[in-house]
Amino acid sequence: MVLTAGFPGLARYANAKSNATFASRLPELPPYAEIVCLQCFRSGYLYLKRFVTVVTDGGKEFTSNYIIFMLNNTKSWPEGVVRLSERNRWLASRDHPLYLIARKSGRESLESSPPRAEPP
C-alpha cells in the first residue's frame, strides 16, 4: 500500500534523475555544433546521439576504471578526450560552434583561460 501511494512521487524522482530527461533538456543545436564537457560527463549525453568531447584532468569524470587507467598510462589520448592542460590549444583549433557544458565548480578553470579572439 505504501509503495502504491508513494508511486507518483517515486516516478517524479526517477524522472528528475534520468539521464534521458537530462539530455532532453539541452537546447536543440545545429548539426555542426560540437558538444564539449569541461571536467564533467554524464552518460545521458549518449541519448543525444552526437559526438561529445570531454576535457579532463585524468579522466575522473568517467565511471570506468579501465578508461581512467588507460588515460593515465598512455601518451596519446583518443579523439574526443582532451587533456585539461591542452584545452587552449585544442579550443584554438576548432573552427565551428561549441556548446560547453561545465559544472559551476569548473568555471574557475574556464575563467583562467586567456580570452579567445573572435573571427572577423
PDB file of N, CA and C in Angstrom:
ATOM      1  N   MET A   1       0.825  -1.186   0.000  1.00  0.00           N
ATOM      2  CA  MET A   1       0.000   0.000   0.000  1.00  0.00           C
ATOM      3  C   MET A   1       0.880   1.265   0.000  1.00  0.00           C
ATOM      4  N   VAL A   2       1.939   1.266   0.814  1.00  0.00           N
ATOM      5  CA  VAL A   2       2.828   2.424   0.886  1.00  0.00           C
ATOM      6  C   VAL A   2       3.495   2.660  -0.465  1.00  0.00           C
ATOM      7  N   LEU A   3       3.939   1.589  -1.114  1.00  0.00           N
ATOM      8  CA  LEU A   3       4.575   1.706  -2.418  1.00  0.00           C
ATOM      9  C   LEU A   3       3.606   2.271  -3.453  1.00  0.00           C
ATOM     10  N   THR A   4       2.369   1.811  -3.432  1.00  0.00           N
ATOM     11  CA  THR A   4       1.360   2.292  -4.374  1.00  0.00           C
ATOM     12  C   THR A   4       1.054   3.760  -4.124  1.00  0.00           C
ATOM     13  N   ALA A   5       0.909   4.150  -2.873  1.00  0.00           N
ATOM     14  CA  ALA A   5       0.599   5.545  -2.542  1.00  0.00           C
ATOM     15  C   ALA A   5       1.770   6.462  -2.871  1.00  0.00           C
ATOM     16  N   GLY A   6       2.985   5.961  -2.723  1.00  0.00           N
ATOM     17  CA  GLY A   6       4.167   6.784  -2.987  1.00  0.00           C
ATOM     18  C   GLY A   6       4.653   6.735  -4.413  1.00  0.00           C
ATOM     19  N   PHE A   7       3.991   5.972  -5.279  1.00  0.00           N
ATOM     20  CA  PHE A   7       4.460   5.802  -6.653  1.00  0.00           C
ATOM     21  C   PHE A   7       4.570   7.111  -7.441  1.00  0.00           C
ATOM     22  N   PRO A   8       3.586   8.028  -7.384  1.00  0.00           N
ATOM     23  CA  PRO A   8       3.741   9.281  -8.148  1.00  0.00           C
ATOM     24  C   PRO A   8       5.004  10.058  -7.753  1.00  0.00           C
ATOM     25  N   GLY A   9       5.289  10.123  -6.464  1.00  0.00           N
ATOM     26  CA  GLY A   9       6.498  10.818  -6.007  1.00  0.00           C
ATOM     27  C   GLY A   9       7.751  10.095  -6.448  1.00  0.00           C
ATOM     28  N   LEU A  10       7.726   8.777  -6.390  1.00  0.00           N
ATOM     29  CA  LEU A  10       8.860   7.970  -6.827  1.00  0.00           C
ATOM     30  C   LEU A  10       9.089   8.135  -8.327  1.00  0.00           C
ATOM     31  N   ALA A  11       8.015   8.186  -9.095  1.00  0.00           N
ATOM     32  CA  ALA A  11       8.128   8.366 -10.544  1.00  0.00           C
ATOM     33  C   ALA A  11       8.713   9.744 -10.873  1.00  0.00           C
ATOM     34  N   ARG A  12       8.286  10.783 -10.164  1.00  0.00           N
ATOM     35  CA  ARG A  12       8.835  12.133 -10.389  1.00  0.00           C
ATOM     36  C   ARG A  12      10.326  12.172 -10.062  1.00  0.00           C
ATOM     37  N   TYR A  13      10.711  11.524  -8.950  1.00  0.00           N
ATOM     38  CA  TYR A  13      12.120  11.476  -8.560  1.00  0.00           C
ATOM     39  C   TYR A  13      12.952  10.757  -9.625  1.00  0.00           C
ATOM     40  N   ALA A  14      12.481   9.602 -10.059  1.00  0.00           N
ATOM     41  CA  ALA A  14      13.204   8.826 -11.073  1.00  0.00           C
ATOM     42  C   ALA A  14      13.316   9.606 -12.372  1.00  0.00           C
ATOM     43  N   ASN A  15      12.256  10.306 -12.763  1.00  0.00           N
ATOM     44  CA  ASN A  15      12.281  11.095 -13.993  1.00  0.00           C
ATOM     45  C   ASN A  15      13.265  12.260 -13.866  1.00  0.00           C
ATOM     46  N   ALA A  16      13.333  12.892 -12.697  1.00  0.00           N
ATOM     47  CA  ALA A  16      14.255  14.010 -12.487  1.00  0.00           C
ATOM     48  C   ALA A  16      15.701  13.554 -12.536  1.00  0.00           C
ATOM     49  N   LYS A  17      15.993  12.331 -12.109  1.00  0.00           N
ATOM     50  CA  LYS A  17      17.356  11.806 -12.097  1.00  0.00           C
ATOM     51  C   LYS A  17      17.725  11.076 -13.385  1.00  0.00           C
ATOM     52  N   SER A  18      16.784  10.924 -14.284  1.00  0.00           N
ATOM     53  CA  SER A  18      17.012  10.159 -15.508  1.00  0.00           C
ATOM     54  C   SER A  18      17.982  10.868 -16.443  1.00  0.00           C
ATOM     55  N   ASN A  19      18.911  10.108 -17.012  1.00  0.00           N
ATOM     56  CA  ASN A  19      19.839  10.667 -17.990  1.00  0.00           C
ATOM     57  C   ASN A  19      19.129  11.078 -19.263  1.00  0.00           C
ATOM     58  N   ALA A  20      18.095  10.347 -19.657  1.00  0.00           N
ATOM     59  CA  ALA A  20      17.342  10.695 -20.857  1.00  0.00           C
ATOM     60  C   ALA A  20      16.640  12.040 -20.666  1.00  0.00           C
ATOM     61  N   THR A  21      16.065  12.266 -19.486  1.00  0.00           N
ATOM     62  CA  THR A  21      15.415  13.539 -19.192  1.00  0.00           C
ATOM     63  C   THR A  21      16.433  14.671 -19.207  1.00  0.00           C
ATOM     64  N   PHE A  22      17.595  14.421 -18.611  1.00  0.00           N
ATOM     65  CA  PHE A  22      18.649  15.432 -18.595  1.00  0.00           C
ATOM     66  C   PHE A  22      19.053  15.816 -20.022  1.00  0.00           C
ATOM     67  N   ALA A  23      19.275  14.828 -20.862  1.00  0.00           N
ATOM     68  CA  ALA A  23      19.693  15.088 -22.245  1.00  0.00           C
ATOM     69  C   ALA A  23      18.605  15.827 -23.013  1.00  0.00           C
ATOM     70  N   SER A  24      17.348  15.538 -22.731  1.00  0.00           N
ATOM     71  CA  SER A  24      16.262  16.198 -23.462  1.00  0.00           C
ATOM     72  C   SER A  24      16.136  17.669 -23.091  1.00  0.00           C
ATOM     73  N   ARG A  25      16.710  18.082 -21.976  1.00  0.00           N
ATOM     74  CA  ARG A  25      16.643  19.485 -21.548  1.00  0.00           C
ATOM     75  C   ARG A  25      17.660  20.375 -22.258  1.00  0.00           C
ATOM     76  N   LEU A  26      18.632  19.772 -22.915  1.00  0.00           N
ATOM     77  CA  LEU A  26      19.611  20.575 -23.651  1.00  0.00           C
ATOM     78  C   LEU A  26      18.943  21.198 -24.866  1.00  0.00           C
ATOM     79  N   PRO A  27      19.347  22.392 -25.244  1.00  0.00           N
ATOM     80  CA  PRO A  27      18.705  23.034 -26.393  1.00  0.00           C
ATOM     81  C   PRO A  27      19.020  22.298 -27.690  1.00  0.00           C
ATOM     82  N   GLU A  28      18.173  22.517 -28.673  1.00  0.00           N
ATOM     83  CA  GLU A  28      18.416  21.944 -29.999  1.00  0.00           C
ATOM     84  C   GLU A  28      19.613  22.678 -30.605  1.00  0.00           C
ATOM     85  N   LEU A  29      20.595  21.925 -31.018  1.00  0.00           N
ATOM     86  CA  LEU A  29      21.823  22.502 -31.554  1.00  0.00           C
ATOM     87  C   LEU A  29      21.922  22.191 -33.038  1.00  0.00           C
ATOM     88  N   PRO A  30      22.563  23.082 -33.796  1.00  0.00           N
ATOM     89  CA  PRO A  30      22.789  22.758 -35.202  1.00  0.00           C
ATOM     90  C   PRO A  30      23.684  21.528 -35.315  1.00  0.00           C
ATOM     91  N   PRO A  31      23.555  20.762 -36.390  1.00  0.00           N
ATOM     92  CA  PRO A  31      24.327  19.518 -36.513  1.00  0.00           C
ATOM     93  C   PRO A  31      25.838  19.728 -36.508  1.00  0.00           C
ATOM     94  N   TYR A  32      26.318  20.906 -36.863  1.00  0.00           N
ATOM     95  CA  TYR A  32      27.757  21.159 -36.922  1.00  0.00           C
ATOM     96  C   TYR A  32      28.316  21.674 -35.592  1.00  0.00           C
ATOM     97  N   ALA A  33      27.466  21.902 -34.601  1.00  0.00           N
ATOM     98  CA  ALA A  33      27.933  22.350 -33.286  1.00  0.00           C
ATOM     99  C   ALA A  33      28.489  21.154 -32.521  1.00  0.00           C
ATOM    100  N   GLU A  34      29.588  21.376 -31.838  1.00  0.00           N
ATOM    101  CA  GLU A  34      30.241  20.317 -31.081  1.00  0.00           C
ATOM    102  C   GLU A  34      29.916  20.482 -29.595  1.00  0.00           C
ATOM    103  N   ILE A  35      29.550  19.399 -28.954  1.00  0.00           N
ATOM    104  CA  ILE A  35      29.268  19.418 -27.519  1.00  0.00           C
ATOM    105  C   ILE A  35      30.558  19.105 -26.776  1.00  0.00           C
ATOM    106  N   VAL A  36      30.906  19.976 -25.821  1.00  0.00           N
ATOM    107  CA  VAL A  36      32.149  19.829 -25.065  1.00  0.00           C
ATOM    108  C   VAL A  36      31.822  19.847 -23.576  1.00  0.00           C
ATOM    109  N   CYS A  37      32.276  18.841 -22.866  1.00  0.00           N
ATOM    110  CA  CYS A  37      32.092  18.759 -21.414  1.00  0.00           C
ATOM    111  C   CYS A  37      33.405  19.129 -20.741  1.00  0.00           C
ATOM    112  N   LEU A  38      33.392  20.190 -19.958  1.00  0.00           N
ATOM    113  CA  LEU A  38      34.583  20.644 -19.254  1.00  0.00           C
ATOM    114  C   LEU A  38      34.593  20.043 -17.859  1.00  0.00           C
ATOM    115  N   GLN A  39      35.416  19.035 -17.662  1.00  0.00           N
ATOM    116  CA  GLN A  39      35.585  18.354 -16.389  1.00  0.00           C
ATOM    117  C   GLN A  39      34.265  17.832 -15.826  1.00  0.00           C
ATOM    118  N   CYS A  40      33.419  17.339 -16.702  1.00  0.00           N
ATOM    119  CA  CYS A  40      32.175  16.689 -16.294  1.00  0.00           C
ATOM    120  C   CYS A  40      31.741  15.772 -17.433  1.00  0.00           C
ATOM    121  N   PHE A  41      30.942  14.772 -17.108  1.00  0.00           N
ATOM    122  CA  PHE A  41      30.394  13.885 -18.133  1.00  0.00           C
ATOM    123  C   PHE A  41      29.271  13.083 -17.509  1.00  0.00           C
ATOM    124  N   ARG A  42      28.140  13.038 -18.196  1.00  0.00           N
ATOM    125  CA  ARG A  42      27.023  12.192 -17.788  1.00  0.00           C
ATOM    126  C   ARG A  42      26.735  11.230 -18.915  1.00  0.00           C
ATOM    127  N   SER A  43      26.467  10.002 -18.558  1.00  0.00           N
ATOM    128  CA  SER A  43      26.189   9.007 -19.596  1.00  0.00           C
ATOM    129  C   SER A  43      24.936   9.362 -20.389  1.00  0.00           C
ATOM    130  N   GLY A  44      24.119  10.253 -19.883  1.00  0.00           N
ATOM    131  CA  GLY A  44      22.913  10.687 -20.592  1.00  0.00           C
ATOM    132  C   GLY A  44      23.191  11.387 -21.902  1.00  0.00           C
ATOM    133  N   TYR A  45      24.401  11.867 -22.087  1.00  0.00           N
ATOM    134  CA  TYR A  45      24.725  12.518 -23.357  1.00  0.00           C
ATOM    135  C   TYR A  45      24.645  11.541 -24.518  1.00  0.00           C
ATOM    136  N   LEU A  46      24.712  10.249 -24.212  1.00  0.00           N
ATOM    137  CA  LEU A  46      24.583   9.240 -25.260  1.00  0.00           C
ATOM    138  C   LEU A  46      23.203   9.293 -25.902  1.00  0.00           C
ATOM    139  N   TYR A  47      22.204   9.765 -25.168  1.00  0.00           N
ATOM    140  CA  TYR A  47      20.859   9.891 -25.718  1.00  0.00           C
ATOM    141  C   TYR A  47      20.787  10.961 -26.801  1.00  0.00           C
ATOM    142  N   LEU A  48      21.743  11.849 -26.841  1.00  0.00           N
ATOM    143  CA  LEU A  48      21.761  12.891 -27.871  1.00  0.00           C
ATOM    144  C   LEU A  48      22.147  12.339 -29.234  1.00  0.00           C
ATOM    145  N   LYS A  49      22.764  11.164 -29.239  1.00  0.00           N
ATOM    146  CA  LYS A  49      23.249  10.526 -30.468  1.00  0.00           C
ATOM    147  C   LYS A  49      24.192  11.455 -31.223  1.00  0.00           C
ATOM    148  N   ARG A  50      25.066  12.107 -30.456  1.00  0.00           N
ATOM    149  CA  ARG A  50      26.062  13.027 -31.019  1.00  0.00           C
ATOM    150  C   ARG A  50      27.399  12.749 -30.364  1.00  0.00           C
ATOM    151  N   PHE A  51      28.447  13.135 -31.061  1.00  0.00           N
ATOM    152  CA  PHE A  51      29.800  13.016 -30.535  1.00  0.00           C
ATOM    153  C   PHE A  51      29.975  14.058 -29.436  1.00  0.00           C
ATOM    154  N   VAL A  52      30.535  13.667 -28.311  1.00  0.00           N
ATOM    155  CA  VAL A  52      30.779  14.564 -27.180  1.00  0.00           C
ATOM    156  C   VAL A  52      32.261  14.517 -26.849  1.00  0.00           C
ATOM    157  N   THR A  53      32.882  15.686 -26.751  1.00  0.00           N
ATOM    158  CA  THR A  53      34.289  15.781 -26.357  1.00  0.00           C
ATOM    159  C   THR A  53      34.348  16.079 -24.869  1.00  0.00           C
ATOM    160  N   VAL A  54      35.240  15.396 -24.160  1.00  0.00           N
ATOM    161  CA  VAL A  54      35.408  15.613 -22.728  1.00  0.00           C
ATOM    162  C   VAL A  54      36.794  16.192 -22.487  1.00  0.00           C
ATOM    163  N   VAL A  55      36.842  17.355 -21.839  1.00  0.00           N
ATOM    164  CA  VAL A  55      38.102  17.972 -21.431  1.00  0.00           C
ATOM    165  C   VAL A  55      38.300  17.586 -19.966  1.00  0.00           C
ATOM    166  N   THR A  56      39.398  16.902 -19.679  1.00  0.00           N
ATOM    167  CA  THR A  56      39.573  16.312 -18.357  1.00  0.00           C
ATOM    168  C   THR A  56      41.014  16.414 -17.870  1.00  0.00           C
ATOM    169  N   ASP A  57      41.160  16.251 -16.584  1.00  0.00           N
ATOM    170  CA  ASP A  57      42.483  16.213 -15.969  1.00  0.00           C
ATOM    171  C   ASP A  57      42.698  14.827 -15.376  1.00  0.00           C
ATOM    172  N   GLY A  58      42.724  13.814 -16.226  1.00  0.00           N
ATOM    173  CA  GLY A  58      42.979  12.457 -15.753  1.00  0.00           C
ATOM    174  C   GLY A  58      41.831  11.489 -15.901  1.00  0.00           C
ATOM    175  N   GLY A  59      40.660  11.950 -16.330  1.00  0.00           N
ATOM    176  CA  GLY A  59      39.561  11.046 -16.619  1.00  0.00           C
ATOM    177  C   GLY A  59      38.642  10.698 -15.475  1.00  0.00           C
ATOM    178  N   LYS A  60      38.714  11.428 -14.361  1.00  0.00           N
ATOM    179  CA  LYS A  60      37.877  11.064 -13.212  1.00  0.00           C
ATOM    180  C   LYS A  60      36.377  11.233 -13.496  1.00  0.00           C
ATOM    181  N   GLU A  61      36.027  11.901 -14.595  1.00  0.00           N
ATOM    182  CA  GLU A  61      34.619  12.076 -14.958  1.00  0.00           C
ATOM    183  C   GLU A  61      33.993  10.780 -15.469  1.00  0.00           C
ATOM    184  N   PHE A  62      34.831   9.867 -15.934  1.00  0.00           N
ATOM    185  CA  PHE A  62      34.339   8.590 -16.448  1.00  0.00           C
ATOM    186  C   PHE A  62      34.174   7.616 -15.289  1.00  0.00           C
ATOM    187  N   THR A  63      33.219   6.719 -15.402  1.00  0.00           N
ATOM    188  CA  THR A  63      32.986   5.765 -14.321  1.00  0.00           C
ATOM    189  C   THR A  63      33.792   4.488 -14.497  1.00  0.00           C
ATOM    190  N   SER A  64      34.465   4.353 -15.607  1.00  0.00           N
ATOM    191  CA  SER A  64      35.221   3.134 -15.884  1.00  0.00           C
ATOM    192  C   SER A  64      36.656   3.253 -15.379  1.00  0.00           C
ATOM    193  N   ASN A  65      37.041   2.351 -14.490  1.00  0.00           N
ATOM    194  CA  ASN A  65      38.425   2.333 -14.016  1.00  0.00           C
ATOM    195  C   ASN A  65      39.390   2.032 -15.153  1.00  0.00           C
ATOM    196  N   TYR A  66      38.946   1.250 -16.132  1.00  0.00           N
ATOM    197  CA  TYR A  66      39.790   0.941 -17.286  1.00  0.00           C
ATOM    198  C   TYR A  66      40.114   2.211 -18.063  1.00  0.00           C
ATOM    199  N   ILE A  67      39.111   3.056 -18.300  1.00  0.00           N
ATOM    200  CA  ILE A  67      39.343   4.301 -19.047  1.00  0.00           C
ATOM    201  C   ILE A  67      40.297   5.201 -18.272  1.00  0.00           C
ATOM    202  N   ILE A  68      40.075   5.334 -16.986  1.00  0.00           N
ATOM    203  CA  ILE A  68      40.946   6.181 -16.160  1.00  0.00           C
ATOM    204  C   ILE A  68      42.378   5.647 -16.195  1.00  0.00           C
ATOM    205  N   PHE A  69      42.547   4.345 -16.047  1.00  0.00           N
ATOM    206  CA  PHE A  69      43.870   3.737 -16.094  1.00  0.00           C
ATOM    207  C   PHE A  69      44.530   3.990 -17.445  1.00  0.00           C
ATOM    208  N   MET A  70      43.776   3.794 -18.529  1.00  0.00           N
ATOM    209  CA  MET A  70      44.314   3.975 -19.874  1.00  0.00           C
ATOM    210  C   MET A  70      44.759   5.432 -20.092  1.00  0.00           C
ATOM    211  N   LEU A  71      43.932   6.386 -19.682  1.00  0.00           N
ATOM    212  CA  LEU A  71      44.277   7.793 -19.866  1.00  0.00           C
ATOM    213  C   LEU A  71      45.523   8.178 -19.069  1.00  0.00           C
ATOM    214  N   ASN A  72      45.661   7.627 -17.892  1.00  0.00           N
ATOM    215  CA  ASN A  72      46.791   7.975 -17.038  1.00  0.00           C
ATOM    216  C   ASN A  72      48.073   7.230 -17.400  1.00  0.00           C
ATOM    217  N   ASN A  73      47.991   6.250 -18.297  1.00  0.00           N
ATOM    218  CA  ASN A  73      49.166   5.447 -18.627  1.00  0.00           C
ATOM    219  C   ASN A  73      49.497   5.411 -20.112  1.00  0.00           C
ATOM    220  N   THR A  74      48.934   6.306 -20.891  1.00  0.00           N
ATOM    221  CA  THR A  74      49.272   6.383 -22.307  1.00  0.00           C
ATOM    222  C   THR A  74      49.583   7.822 -22.670  1.00  0.00           C
ATOM    223  N   LYS A  75      50.435   7.983 -23.678  1.00  0.00           N
ATOM    224  CA  LYS A  75      50.794   9.331 -24.132  1.00  0.00           C
ATOM    225  C   LYS A  75      49.694   9.957 -24.967  1.00  0.00           C
ATOM    226  N   SER A  76      49.205   9.212 -25.945  1.00  0.00           N
ATOM    227  CA  SER A  76      48.197   9.788 -26.834  1.00  0.00           C
ATOM    228  C   SER A  76      46.804   9.349 -26.390  1.00  0.00           C
ATOM    229  N   TRP A  77      45.944  10.318 -26.180  1.00  0.00           N
ATOM    230  CA  TRP A  77      44.581  10.047 -25.768  1.00  0.00           C
ATOM    231  C   TRP A  77      43.697   9.908 -26.996  1.00  0.00           C
ATOM    232  N   PRO A  78      42.585   9.208 -26.883  1.00  0.00           N
ATOM    233  CA  PRO A  78      41.697   9.035 -28.034  1.00  0.00           C
ATOM    234  C   PRO A  78      41.015  10.341 -28.426  1.00  0.00           C
ATOM    235  N   GLU A  79      40.577  10.396 -29.669  1.00  0.00           N
ATOM    236  CA  GLU A  79      39.810  11.554 -30.124  1.00  0.00           C
ATOM    237  C   GLU A  79      38.571  11.660 -29.246  1.00  0.00           C
ATOM    238  N   GLY A  80      38.236  12.840 -28.857  1.00  0.00           N
ATOM    239  CA  GLY A  80      37.079  13.033 -28.001  1.00  0.00           C
ATOM    240  C   GLY A  80      37.416  13.197 -26.537  1.00  0.00           C
ATOM    241  N   VAL A  81      38.689  13.011 -26.183  1.00  0.00           N
ATOM    242  CA  VAL A  81      39.144  13.245 -24.818  1.00  0.00           C
ATOM    243  C   VAL A  81      40.356  14.160 -24.910  1.00  0.00           C
ATOM    244  N   VAL A  82      40.273  15.311 -24.256  1.00  0.00           N
ATOM    245  CA  VAL A  82      41.320  16.330 -24.342  1.00  0.00           C
ATOM    246  C   VAL A  82      41.868  16.594 -22.948  1.00  0.00           C
ATOM    247  N   ARG A  83      43.190  16.631 -22.848  1.00  0.00           N
ATOM    248  CA  ARG A  83      43.815  16.977 -21.563  1.00  0.00           C
ATOM    249  C   ARG A  83      43.469  18.416 -21.198  1.00  0.00           C
ATOM    250  N   LEU A  84      43.172  18.632 -19.934  1.00  0.00           N
ATOM    251  CA  LEU A  84      42.851  19.976 -19.459  1.00  0.00           C
ATOM    252  C   LEU A  84      43.995  20.934 -19.762  1.00  0.00           C
ATOM    253  N   SER A  85      45.222  20.476 -19.624  1.00  0.00           N
ATOM    254  CA  SER A  85      46.388  21.334 -19.873  1.00  0.00           C
ATOM    255  C   SER A  85      46.501  21.742 -21.340  1.00  0.00           C
ATOM    256  N   GLU A  86      45.830  21.032 -22.238  1.00  0.00           N
ATOM    257  CA  GLU A  86      45.893  21.336 -23.670  1.00  0.00           C
ATOM    258  C   GLU A  86      44.623  21.999 -24.186  1.00  0.00           C
ATOM    259  N   ARG A  87      43.733  22.425 -23.284  1.00  0.00           N
ATOM    260  CA  ARG A  87      42.439  22.956 -23.715  1.00  0.00           C
ATOM    261  C   ARG A  87      42.548  24.204 -24.575  1.00  0.00           C
ATOM    262  N   ASN A  88      43.474  25.106 -24.267  1.00  0.00           N
ATOM    263  CA  ASN A  88      43.576  26.336 -25.056  1.00  0.00           C
ATOM    264  C   ASN A  88      44.016  26.054 -26.483  1.00  0.00           C
ATOM    265  N   ARG A  89      44.989  25.165 -26.644  1.00  0.00           N
ATOM    266  CA  ARG A  89      45.436  24.798 -27.992  1.00  0.00           C
ATOM    267  C   ARG A  89      44.309  24.088 -28.734  1.00  0.00           C
ATOM    268  N   TRP A  90      43.604  23.207 -28.048  1.00  0.00           N
ATOM    269  CA  TRP A  90      42.504  22.477 -28.674  1.00  0.00           C
ATOM    270  C   TRP A  90      41.383  23.433 -29.070  1.00  0.00           C
ATOM    271  N   LEU A  91      41.024  24.363 -28.180  1.00  0.00           N
ATOM    272  CA  LEU A  91      39.974  25.343 -28.498  1.00  0.00           C
ATOM    273  C   LEU A  91      40.353  26.188 -29.710  1.00  0.00           C
ATOM    274  N   ALA A  92      41.625  26.579 -29.783  1.00  0.00           N
ATOM    275  CA  ALA A  92      42.080  27.391 -30.912  1.00  0.00           C
ATOM    276  C   ALA A  92      41.993  26.622 -32.231  1.00  0.00           C
ATOM    277  N   SER A  93      41.999  25.301 -32.163  1.00  0.00           N
ATOM    278  CA  SER A  93      41.937  24.501 -33.394  1.00  0.00           C
ATOM    279  C   SER A  93      40.511  24.304 -33.895  1.00  0.00           C
ATOM    280  N   ARG A  94      39.508  24.681 -33.134  1.00  0.00           N
ATOM    281  CA  ARG A  94      38.117  24.471 -33.532  1.00  0.00           C
ATOM    282  C   ARG A  94      37.681  25.577 -34.474  1.00  0.00           C
ATOM    283  N   ASP A  95      36.984  25.210 -35.535  1.00  0.00           N
ATOM    284  CA  ASP A  95      36.523  26.217 -36.497  1.00  0.00           C
ATOM    285  C   ASP A  95      35.002  26.180 -36.643  1.00  0.00           C
ATOM    286  N   HIS A  96      34.325  25.674 -35.636  1.00  0.00           N
ATOM    287  CA  HIS A  96      32.874  25.595 -35.666  1.00  0.00           C
ATOM    288  C   HIS A  96      32.342  25.885 -34.256  1.00  0.00           C
ATOM    289  N   PRO A  97      31.045  26.120 -34.116  1.00  0.00           N
ATOM    290  CA  PRO A  97      30.498  26.446 -32.796  1.00  0.00           C
ATOM    291  C   PRO A  97      30.648  25.292 -31.812  1.00  0.00           C
ATOM    292  N   LEU A  98      30.859  25.656 -30.555  1.00  0.00           N
ATOM    293  CA  LEU A  98      30.953  24.686 -29.469  1.00  0.00           C
ATOM    294  C   LEU A  98      29.850  24.972 -28.461  1.00  0.00           C
ATOM    295  N   TYR A  99      29.267  23.929 -27.924  1.00  0.00           N
ATOM    296  CA  TYR A  99      28.309  24.059 -26.829  1.00  0.00           C
ATOM    297  C   TYR A  99      29.001  23.504 -25.605  1.00  0.00           C
ATOM    298  N   LEU A 100      29.342  24.371 -24.666  1.00  0.00           N
ATOM    299  CA  LEU A 100      30.122  23.990 -23.500  1.00  0.00           C
ATOM    300  C   LEU A 100      29.212  23.635 -22.332  1.00  0.00           C
ATOM    301  N   ILE A 101      29.480  22.492 -21.733  1.00  0.00           N
ATOM    302  CA  ILE A 101      28.776  22.057 -20.529  1.00  0.00           C
ATOM    303  C   ILE A 101      29.826  21.975 -19.421  1.00  0.00           C
ATOM    304  N   ALA A 102      29.568  22.663 -18.313  1.00  0.00           N
ATOM    305  CA  ALA A 102      30.521  22.661 -17.191  1.00  0.00           C
ATOM    306  C   ALA A 102      29.746  22.774 -15.889  1.00  0.00           C
ATOM    307  N   ARG A 103      30.297  22.211 -14.843  1.00  0.00           N
ATOM    308  CA  ARG A 103      29.724  22.397 -13.517  1.00  0.00           C
ATOM    309  C   ARG A 103      30.075  23.792 -13.033  1.00  0.00           C
ATOM    310  N   LYS A 104      29.305  24.290 -12.112  1.00  0.00           N
ATOM    311  CA  LYS A 104      29.609  25.607 -11.551  1.00  0.00           C
ATOM    312  C   LYS A 104      31.011  25.635 -10.976  1.00  0.00           C
ATOM    313  N   SER A 105      31.439  24.538 -10.367  1.00  0.00           N
ATOM    314  CA  SER A 105      32.778  24.490  -9.777  1.00  0.00           C
ATOM    315  C   SER A 105      33.871  24.489 -10.835  1.00  0.00           C
ATOM    316  N   GLY A 106      33.545  24.190 -12.077  1.00  0.00           N
ATOM    317  CA  GLY A 106      34.528  24.173 -13.146  1.00  0.00           C
ATOM    318  C   GLY A 106      34.737  25.518 -13.809  1.00  0.00           C
ATOM    319  N   ARG A 107      33.992  26.520 -13.385  1.00  0.00           N
ATOM    320  CA  ARG A 107      34.100  27.835 -14.014  1.00  0.00           C
ATOM    321  C   ARG A 107      35.466  28.465 -13.836  1.00  0.00           C
ATOM    322  N   GLU A 108      36.111  28.212 -12.689  1.00  0.00           N
ATOM    323  CA  GLU A 108      37.436  28.806 -12.472  1.00  0.00           C
ATOM    324  C   GLU A 108      38.402  28.362 -13.555  1.00  0.00           C
ATOM    325  N   SER A 109      38.298  27.103 -13.942  1.00  0.00           N
ATOM    326  CA  SER A 109      39.175  26.561 -14.978  1.00  0.00           C
ATOM    327  C   SER A 109      38.957  27.287 -16.296  1.00  0.00           C
ATOM    328  N   LEU A 110      37.702  27.554 -16.609  1.00  0.00           N
ATOM    329  CA  LEU A 110      37.386  28.237 -17.856  1.00  0.00           C
ATOM    330  C   LEU A 110      37.771  29.710 -17.774  1.00  0.00           C
ATOM    331  N   GLU A 111      37.491  30.331 -16.653  1.00  0.00           N
ATOM    332  CA  GLU A 111      37.780  31.750 -16.494  1.00  0.00           C
ATOM    333  C   GLU A 111      39.274  32.029 -16.449  1.00  0.00           C
ATOM    334  N   SER A 112      40.089  31.038 -16.119  1.00  0.00           N
ATOM    335  CA  SER A 112      41.531  31.246 -16.093  1.00  0.00           C
ATOM    336  C   SER A 112      42.142  31.131 -17.491  1.00  0.00           C
ATOM    337  N   SER A 113      41.327  30.705 -18.463  1.00  0.00           N
ATOM    338  CA  SER A 113      41.811  30.612 -19.842  1.00  0.00           C
ATOM    339  C   SER A 113      41.921  32.007 -20.418  1.00  0.00           C
ATOM    340  N   PRO A 114      42.938  32.252 -21.234  1.00  0.00           N
ATOM    341  CA  PRO A 114      43.018  33.566 -21.876  1.00  0.00           C
ATOM    342  C   PRO A 114      41.867  33.732 -22.850  1.00  0.00           C
ATOM    343  N   PRO A 115      41.363  34.952 -23.023  1.00  0.00           N
ATOM    344  CA  PRO A 115      40.247  35.155 -23.940  1.00  0.00           C
ATOM    345  C   PRO A 115      40.634  34.779 -25.373  1.00  0.00           C
ATOM    346  N   ARG A 116      39.669  34.265 -26.082  1.00  0.00           N
ATOM    347  CA  ARG A 116      39.897  33.846 -27.468  1.00  0.00           C
ATOM    348  C   ARG A 116      39.399  34.936 -28.400  1.00  0.00           C
ATOM    349  N   ALA A 117      40.189  35.275 -29.383  1.00  0.00           N
ATOM    350  CA  ALA A 117      39.801  36.300 -30.343  1.00  0.00           C
ATOM    351  C   ALA A 117      38.667  35.771 -31.203  1.00  0.00           C
ATOM    352  N   GLU A 118      37.692  36.619 -31.451  1.00  0.00           N
ATOM    353  CA  GLU A 118      36.574  36.251 -32.327  1.00  0.00           C
ATOM    354  C   GLU A 118      37.009  36.375 -33.786  1.00  0.00           C
ATOM    355  N   PRO A 119      36.549  35.447 -34.629  1.00  0.00           N
ATOM    356  CA  PRO A 119      36.897  35.564 -36.041  1.00  0.00           C
ATOM    357  C   PRO A 119      36.235  36.788 -36.658  1.00  0.00           C
ATOM    358  N   PRO A 120      36.856  37.377 -37.675  1.00  0.00           N
ATOM    359  CA  PRO A 120      36.262  38.588 -38.281  1.00  0.00           C
ATOM    360  C   PRO A 120      34.965  38.290 -38.975  1.00  0.00           C
TER     361      PRO A 120
END
